[in-house]
Amino acid sequence: MVEEETEALLDDLRKSDNDASTLDERFRIKHQCRTKYMPAPLVDAFKHAGTVWKDTSVIQDYVATVPSEQASNMCPALAMRGEHDFVSEKCIAEWRGVFNHDRVEVRTLEGCSHHGLLERGTLYGEILNEFFSKHDQ
């Protein structure tokens, strides 16, 4: 599903400016990491990417399924996405159904794209702190 969402976002960018030479950078700035320059940790991560997890092709056929009855003992889950993320609300919504408990929280980071931690680190940390504090037992 994320591949279809990404392609739709790329189509929107092409409609506004069909310059293929800038498409990747425009996508990065709008949907991957909304910073003027690519942050050094992200540059380093991409530079050292392996061959197995280089893109989503290795998991494109994976379909998450509801776990066994023992899953009721699973810990709470938090899914975060950026407001401008290529991982859309539709993509995240499908993950809710994988858990058979109601302790799944979805948070959207306002003004962020996919790498919200690198864009608004304080907000990201506050959301994590709130989540862990609520579930600390």
N, C-alpha and C. Protein backbone atom coordinates (compact mmCIF):
# COMPACT_ATOMS: atom_id res chain seq x y z
N MET A 1 0.81 -1.19 0.00
CA MET A 1 0.00 0.00 0.00
C MET A 1 0.86 1.26 0.00
N VAL A 2 1.96 1.28 0.74
CA VAL A 2 2.77 2.49 0.80
C VAL A 2 3.35 2.82 -0.58
N GLU A 3 3.59 1.78 -1.39
CA GLU A 3 4.09 2.04 -2.73
C GLU A 3 3.07 2.82 -3.56
N GLU A 4 1.79 2.45 -3.44
CA GLU A 4 0.74 3.16 -4.18
C GLU A 4 0.61 4.60 -3.68
N GLU A 5 0.68 4.78 -2.36
CA GLU A 5 0.59 6.12 -1.79
C GLU A 5 1.76 6.98 -2.26
N THR A 6 2.95 6.39 -2.28
CA THR A 6 4.14 7.11 -2.72
C THR A 6 4.01 7.51 -4.19
N GLU A 7 3.55 6.59 -5.00
CA GLU A 7 3.39 6.88 -6.43
C GLU A 7 2.38 8.01 -6.65
N ALA A 8 1.31 8.04 -5.88
CA ALA A 8 0.32 9.11 -5.99
C ALA A 8 0.94 10.46 -5.60
N LEU A 9 1.77 10.45 -4.56
CA LEU A 9 2.44 11.69 -4.15
C LEU A 9 3.43 12.15 -5.21
N LEU A 10 4.14 11.21 -5.82
CA LEU A 10 5.06 11.55 -6.90
C LEU A 10 4.30 12.13 -8.10
N ASP A 11 3.15 11.54 -8.41
CA ASP A 11 2.32 12.06 -9.50
C ASP A 11 1.90 13.51 -9.23
N ASP A 12 1.52 13.80 -7.99
CA ASP A 12 1.15 15.17 -7.63
C ASP A 12 2.33 16.13 -7.84
N LEU A 13 3.52 15.69 -7.45
CA LEU A 13 4.71 16.53 -7.65
C LEU A 13 5.00 16.73 -9.13
N ARG A 14 4.82 15.68 -9.93
CA ARG A 14 5.03 15.79 -11.38
C ARG A 14 4.04 16.76 -12.01
N LYS A 15 2.81 16.76 -11.52
CA LYS A 15 1.79 17.67 -12.06
C LYS A 15 2.16 19.13 -11.81
N SER A 16 2.75 19.40 -10.65
CA SER A 16 3.11 20.78 -10.32
C SER A 16 4.41 21.21 -11.01
N ASP A 17 5.30 20.24 -11.29
CA ASP A 17 6.57 20.54 -11.95
C ASP A 17 7.10 19.22 -12.52
N ASN A 18 7.14 19.10 -13.82
CA ASN A 18 7.51 17.84 -14.47
C ASN A 18 9.02 17.66 -14.62
N ASP A 19 9.83 18.46 -13.92
CA ASP A 19 11.28 18.34 -14.00
C ASP A 19 11.74 17.09 -13.25
N ALA A 20 12.03 16.05 -14.00
CA ALA A 20 12.43 14.76 -13.40
C ALA A 20 13.75 14.88 -12.64
N SER A 21 14.60 15.83 -13.02
CA SER A 21 15.91 15.95 -12.37
C SER A 21 15.79 16.43 -10.91
N THR A 22 14.67 17.04 -10.56
CA THR A 22 14.50 17.53 -9.18
C THR A 22 13.45 16.74 -8.40
N LEU A 23 12.86 15.75 -9.03
CA LEU A 23 11.75 15.02 -8.41
C LEU A 23 12.14 14.36 -7.09
N ASP A 24 13.26 13.65 -7.05
CA ASP A 24 13.66 12.96 -5.82
C ASP A 24 13.87 13.95 -4.67
N GLU A 25 14.52 15.07 -4.94
CA GLU A 25 14.78 16.05 -3.89
C GLU A 25 13.49 16.72 -3.45
N ARG A 26 12.58 17.01 -4.38
CA ARG A 26 11.29 17.60 -4.01
C ARG A 26 10.48 16.63 -3.16
N PHE A 27 10.54 15.33 -3.50
CA PHE A 27 9.85 14.32 -2.70
C PHE A 27 10.45 14.26 -1.30
N ARG A 28 11.78 14.28 -1.23
CA ARG A 28 12.45 14.22 0.07
C ARG A 28 12.02 15.39 0.94
N ILE A 29 12.04 16.58 0.39
CA ILE A 29 11.73 17.77 1.17
C ILE A 29 10.26 17.79 1.61
N LYS A 30 9.38 17.27 0.80
CA LYS A 30 7.96 17.33 1.15
C LYS A 30 7.49 16.13 1.98
N HIS A 31 7.99 14.92 1.68
CA HIS A 31 7.41 13.73 2.28
C HIS A 31 8.37 12.85 3.08
N GLN A 32 9.66 13.07 2.94
CA GLN A 32 10.61 12.20 3.63
C GLN A 32 11.28 12.90 4.81
N CYS A 33 11.85 14.07 4.58
CA CYS A 33 12.48 14.83 5.66
C CYS A 33 12.44 16.30 5.30
N ARG A 34 11.59 17.05 6.00
CA ARG A 34 11.31 18.45 5.67
C ARG A 34 12.35 19.39 6.27
N THR A 35 13.58 19.17 5.89
CA THR A 35 14.66 20.05 6.30
C THR A 35 15.33 20.57 5.04
N LYS A 36 15.99 21.71 5.15
CA LYS A 36 16.63 22.31 3.97
C LYS A 36 17.67 21.36 3.38
N TYR A 37 18.45 20.77 4.25
CA TYR A 37 19.47 19.81 3.83
C TYR A 37 19.18 18.48 4.52
N MET A 38 19.59 17.41 3.90
CA MET A 38 19.42 16.09 4.49
C MET A 38 20.28 16.03 5.76
N PRO A 39 19.68 15.71 6.92
CA PRO A 39 20.45 15.63 8.17
C PRO A 39 21.54 14.56 8.09
N ALA A 40 22.68 14.85 8.70
CA ALA A 40 23.83 13.95 8.66
C ALA A 40 23.49 12.51 9.09
N PRO A 41 22.70 12.30 10.16
CA PRO A 41 22.38 10.92 10.53
C PRO A 41 21.63 10.17 9.43
N LEU A 42 20.80 10.87 8.69
CA LEU A 42 20.05 10.24 7.61
C LEU A 42 20.96 9.97 6.42
N VAL A 43 21.82 10.91 6.10
CA VAL A 43 22.80 10.70 5.02
C VAL A 43 23.63 9.47 5.34
N ASP A 44 24.11 9.38 6.58
CA ASP A 44 24.94 8.26 7.01
C ASP A 44 24.16 6.94 6.93
N ALA A 45 22.91 6.97 7.37
CA ALA A 45 22.10 5.75 7.33
C ALA A 45 21.90 5.26 5.90
N PHE A 46 21.59 6.18 4.99
CA PHE A 46 21.41 5.79 3.59
C PHE A 46 22.72 5.31 2.96
N LYS A 47 23.82 5.95 3.36
CA LYS A 47 25.12 5.56 2.82
C LYS A 47 25.48 4.13 3.24
N HIS A 48 25.05 3.73 4.42
CA HIS A 48 25.39 2.41 4.94
C HIS A 48 24.23 1.41 4.82
N ALA A 49 23.25 1.74 4.02
CA ALA A 49 22.12 0.83 3.84
C ALA A 49 22.60 -0.47 3.24
N GLY A 50 22.06 -1.55 3.74
CA GLY A 50 22.42 -2.86 3.21
C GLY A 50 21.63 -3.16 1.95
N THR A 51 21.80 -4.36 1.48
CA THR A 51 21.09 -4.74 0.26
C THR A 51 19.73 -5.35 0.57
N VAL A 52 19.55 -5.87 1.77
CA VAL A 52 18.29 -6.53 2.10
C VAL A 52 17.19 -5.51 2.35
N TRP A 53 17.45 -4.47 3.11
CA TRP A 53 16.43 -3.50 3.49
C TRP A 53 16.60 -2.17 2.76
N LYS A 54 17.11 -2.20 1.56
CA LYS A 54 17.34 -0.96 0.80
C LYS A 54 16.05 -0.25 0.43
N ASP A 55 15.01 -1.00 0.18
CA ASP A 55 13.72 -0.40 -0.16
C ASP A 55 12.62 -1.34 0.31
N THR A 56 11.40 -1.05 -0.05
CA THR A 56 10.28 -1.86 0.44
C THR A 56 10.01 -3.09 -0.40
N SER A 57 10.77 -3.31 -1.46
CA SER A 57 10.49 -4.45 -2.34
C SER A 57 10.58 -5.78 -1.60
N VAL A 58 11.43 -5.87 -0.57
CA VAL A 58 11.59 -7.14 0.14
C VAL A 58 10.39 -7.47 1.02
N ILE A 59 9.57 -6.47 1.32
CA ILE A 59 8.41 -6.73 2.17
C ILE A 59 7.08 -6.36 1.51
N GLN A 60 7.12 -6.04 0.22
CA GLN A 60 5.90 -5.55 -0.44
C GLN A 60 4.76 -6.56 -0.44
N ASP A 61 5.06 -7.84 -0.34
CA ASP A 61 4.00 -8.84 -0.32
C ASP A 61 3.59 -9.26 1.09
N TYR A 62 4.26 -8.69 2.10
CA TYR A 62 3.94 -9.03 3.48
C TYR A 62 2.57 -8.45 3.86
N VAL A 63 1.77 -9.28 4.47
CA VAL A 63 0.47 -8.84 4.97
C VAL A 63 0.41 -9.22 6.44
N ALA A 64 0.29 -8.22 7.29
CA ALA A 64 0.21 -8.48 8.73
C ALA A 64 -1.14 -9.11 9.04
N THR A 65 -1.14 -10.06 9.93
CA THR A 65 -2.38 -10.72 10.32
C THR A 65 -2.57 -10.60 11.83
N VAL A 66 -3.80 -10.75 12.26
CA VAL A 66 -4.11 -10.69 13.68
C VAL A 66 -3.37 -11.83 14.38
N PRO A 67 -2.66 -11.51 15.46
CA PRO A 67 -1.93 -12.55 16.19
C PRO A 67 -2.85 -13.49 16.95
N SER A 68 -2.25 -14.47 17.56
CA SER A 68 -3.00 -15.47 18.30
C SER A 68 -3.69 -14.86 19.52
N GLU A 69 -4.45 -15.66 20.22
CA GLU A 69 -5.15 -15.22 21.43
C GLU A 69 -4.17 -14.69 22.48
N GLN A 70 -2.95 -15.16 22.47
CA GLN A 70 -1.96 -14.70 23.44
C GLN A 70 -1.61 -13.23 23.25
N ALA A 71 -2.02 -12.67 22.14
CA ALA A 71 -1.68 -11.28 21.85
C ALA A 71 -2.36 -10.30 22.80
N SER A 72 -3.37 -10.74 23.51
CA SER A 72 -4.00 -9.84 24.47
C SER A 72 -3.01 -9.43 25.55
N ASN A 73 -1.95 -10.19 25.69
CA ASN A 73 -0.90 -9.86 26.65
C ASN A 73 0.17 -8.96 26.04
N MET A 74 0.00 -8.58 24.80
CA MET A 74 0.98 -7.71 24.15
C MET A 74 0.97 -6.33 24.81
N CYS A 75 2.10 -5.69 24.75
CA CYS A 75 2.20 -4.35 25.32
C CYS A 75 1.50 -3.34 24.40
N PRO A 76 1.18 -2.17 24.92
CA PRO A 76 0.57 -1.14 24.09
C PRO A 76 1.50 -0.77 22.92
N ALA A 77 0.92 -0.26 21.87
CA ALA A 77 1.69 0.09 20.68
C ALA A 77 1.44 1.55 20.31
N LEU A 78 2.47 2.18 19.80
CA LEU A 78 2.38 3.55 19.33
C LEU A 78 2.88 3.60 17.89
N ALA A 79 2.07 4.13 17.00
CA ALA A 79 2.47 4.35 15.61
C ALA A 79 2.48 5.85 15.39
N MET A 80 3.61 6.36 14.92
CA MET A 80 3.72 7.79 14.64
C MET A 80 4.00 7.98 13.16
N ARG A 81 3.38 9.02 12.62
CA ARG A 81 3.62 9.39 11.23
C ARG A 81 3.59 10.89 11.14
N GLY A 82 4.22 11.42 10.13
CA GLY A 82 4.20 12.85 9.92
C GLY A 82 2.97 13.27 9.13
N GLU A 83 2.58 14.51 9.33
CA GLU A 83 1.43 15.08 8.63
C GLU A 83 1.61 14.97 7.11
N HIS A 84 2.85 15.10 6.63
CA HIS A 84 3.15 15.06 5.19
C HIS A 84 3.86 13.76 4.80
N ASP A 85 3.78 12.76 5.63
CA ASP A 85 4.46 11.48 5.47
C ASP A 85 3.94 10.73 4.25
N PHE A 86 4.83 9.98 3.60
CA PHE A 86 4.39 9.11 2.52
C PHE A 86 3.69 7.87 3.09
N VAL A 87 3.87 7.61 4.36
CA VAL A 87 3.08 6.58 5.04
C VAL A 87 1.79 7.28 5.47
N SER A 88 0.76 7.05 4.71
CA SER A 88 -0.49 7.80 4.89
C SER A 88 -1.31 7.29 6.08
N GLU A 89 -2.33 8.05 6.41
CA GLU A 89 -3.27 7.61 7.45
C GLU A 89 -3.89 6.26 7.08
N LYS A 90 -4.16 6.08 5.80
CA LYS A 90 -4.73 4.82 5.31
C LYS A 90 -3.77 3.65 5.60
N CYS A 91 -2.48 3.86 5.39
CA CYS A 91 -1.49 2.82 5.68
C CYS A 91 -1.48 2.47 7.17
N ILE A 92 -1.48 3.49 8.00
CA ILE A 92 -1.44 3.28 9.45
C ILE A 92 -2.73 2.63 9.94
N ALA A 93 -3.86 3.02 9.38
CA ALA A 93 -5.16 2.50 9.83
C ALA A 93 -5.21 0.98 9.73
N GLU A 94 -4.60 0.43 8.73
CA GLU A 94 -4.62 -1.02 8.57
C GLU A 94 -3.88 -1.74 9.69
N TRP A 95 -2.90 -1.06 10.29
CA TRP A 95 -2.15 -1.69 11.37
C TRP A 95 -2.98 -1.83 12.64
N ARG A 96 -3.95 -0.95 12.84
CA ARG A 96 -4.81 -1.05 14.03
C ARG A 96 -5.49 -2.42 14.10
N GLY A 97 -5.93 -2.91 12.96
CA GLY A 97 -6.63 -4.18 12.91
C GLY A 97 -5.76 -5.39 13.19
N VAL A 98 -4.46 -5.21 13.19
CA VAL A 98 -3.55 -6.33 13.44
C VAL A 98 -3.51 -6.68 14.92
N PHE A 99 -3.77 -5.71 15.76
CA PHE A 99 -3.75 -5.94 17.20
C PHE A 99 -5.14 -6.31 17.68
N ASN A 100 -5.22 -7.24 18.59
CA ASN A 100 -6.54 -7.61 19.11
C ASN A 100 -6.75 -7.01 20.50
N HIS A 101 -6.22 -5.82 20.70
CA HIS A 101 -6.49 -5.05 21.90
C HIS A 101 -6.65 -3.59 21.49
N ASP A 102 -7.15 -2.80 22.40
CA ASP A 102 -7.43 -1.40 22.06
C ASP A 102 -6.35 -0.44 22.56
N ARG A 103 -5.16 -0.95 22.83
CA ARG A 103 -4.08 -0.10 23.33
C ARG A 103 -3.10 0.28 22.22
N VAL A 104 -3.67 0.60 21.07
CA VAL A 104 -2.87 1.06 19.94
C VAL A 104 -3.18 2.55 19.74
N GLU A 105 -2.15 3.35 19.84
CA GLU A 105 -2.31 4.79 19.63
C GLU A 105 -1.63 5.18 18.34
N VAL A 106 -2.29 6.05 17.59
CA VAL A 106 -1.72 6.60 16.37
C VAL A 106 -1.60 8.10 16.55
N ARG A 107 -0.42 8.61 16.35
CA ARG A 107 -0.19 10.05 16.48
C ARG A 107 0.38 10.59 15.18
N THR A 108 -0.10 11.74 14.78
CA THR A 108 0.39 12.41 13.59
C THR A 108 1.18 13.63 14.04
N LEU A 109 2.41 13.73 13.60
CA LEU A 109 3.28 14.84 13.97
C LEU A 109 3.03 16.01 13.02
N GLU A 110 2.45 17.05 13.55
CA GLU A 110 2.09 18.23 12.76
C GLU A 110 3.32 18.86 12.12
N GLY A 111 3.20 19.14 10.84
CA GLY A 111 4.27 19.81 10.11
C GLY A 111 5.43 18.91 9.72
N CYS A 112 5.36 17.63 10.04
CA CYS A 112 6.47 16.72 9.76
C CYS A 112 6.18 15.83 8.56
N SER A 113 7.25 15.22 8.08
CA SER A 113 7.12 14.19 7.06
C SER A 113 7.51 12.86 7.72
N HIS A 114 8.22 11.99 7.02
CA HIS A 114 8.49 10.65 7.53
C HIS A 114 9.48 10.63 8.70
N HIS A 115 10.47 11.49 8.66
CA HIS A 115 11.51 11.48 9.70
C HIS A 115 11.28 12.60 10.72
N GLY A 116 10.14 12.52 11.40
CA GLY A 116 9.76 13.53 12.38
C GLY A 116 10.78 13.72 13.49
N LEU A 117 11.47 12.67 13.86
CA LEU A 117 12.48 12.77 14.91
C LEU A 117 13.57 13.77 14.52
N LEU A 118 13.93 13.79 13.24
CA LEU A 118 14.98 14.69 12.77
C LEU A 118 14.44 16.09 12.46
N GLU A 119 13.13 16.22 12.33
CA GLU A 119 12.52 17.50 11.99
C GLU A 119 12.06 18.26 13.23
N ARG A 120 11.42 17.55 14.14
CA ARG A 120 10.89 18.17 15.37
C ARG A 120 11.17 17.23 16.53
N GLY A 121 12.43 17.14 16.87
CA GLY A 121 12.88 16.20 17.89
C GLY A 121 12.21 16.38 19.24
N THR A 122 11.97 17.63 19.64
CA THR A 122 11.34 17.88 20.94
C THR A 122 9.91 17.34 20.95
N LEU A 123 9.15 17.62 19.91
CA LEU A 123 7.78 17.11 19.81
C LEU A 123 7.78 15.59 19.82
N TYR A 124 8.67 15.00 19.05
CA TYR A 124 8.79 13.55 18.97
C TYR A 124 9.04 12.96 20.36
N GLY A 125 9.98 13.55 21.07
CA GLY A 125 10.30 13.09 22.42
C GLY A 125 9.15 13.27 23.39
N GLU A 126 8.43 14.37 23.27
CA GLU A 126 7.27 14.61 24.15
C GLU A 126 6.19 13.55 23.93
N ILE A 127 5.96 13.19 22.68
CA ILE A 127 4.95 12.17 22.38
C ILE A 127 5.38 10.83 22.97
N LEU A 128 6.65 10.48 22.80
CA LEU A 128 7.14 9.22 23.38
C LEU A 128 7.04 9.24 24.90
N ASN A 129 7.46 10.35 25.52
CA ASN A 129 7.40 10.46 26.97
C ASN A 129 5.97 10.32 27.48
N GLU A 130 5.05 10.99 26.82
CA GLU A 130 3.63 10.90 27.20
C GLU A 130 3.12 9.46 27.10
N PHE A 131 3.47 8.80 26.00
CA PHE A 131 3.03 7.42 25.78
C PHE A 131 3.60 6.48 26.85
N PHE A 132 4.91 6.56 27.07
CA PHE A 132 5.53 5.66 28.05
C PHE A 132 5.08 5.97 29.47
N SER A 133 4.89 7.25 29.79
CA SER A 133 4.42 7.62 31.12
C SER A 133 3.02 7.07 31.37
N LYS A 134 2.18 7.13 30.37
CA LYS A 134 0.80 6.64 30.51
C LYS A 134 0.77 5.13 30.74
N HIS A 135 1.71 4.42 30.15
CA HIS A 135 1.69 2.95 30.20
C HIS A 135 2.74 2.37 31.14
N ASP A 136 3.45 3.21 31.88
CA ASP A 136 4.46 2.73 32.83
C ASP A 136 3.77 2.11 34.04
N GLN A 137 4.02 0.85 34.24
CA GLN A 137 3.36 0.15 35.36
C GLN A 137 4.35 -0.65 36.15
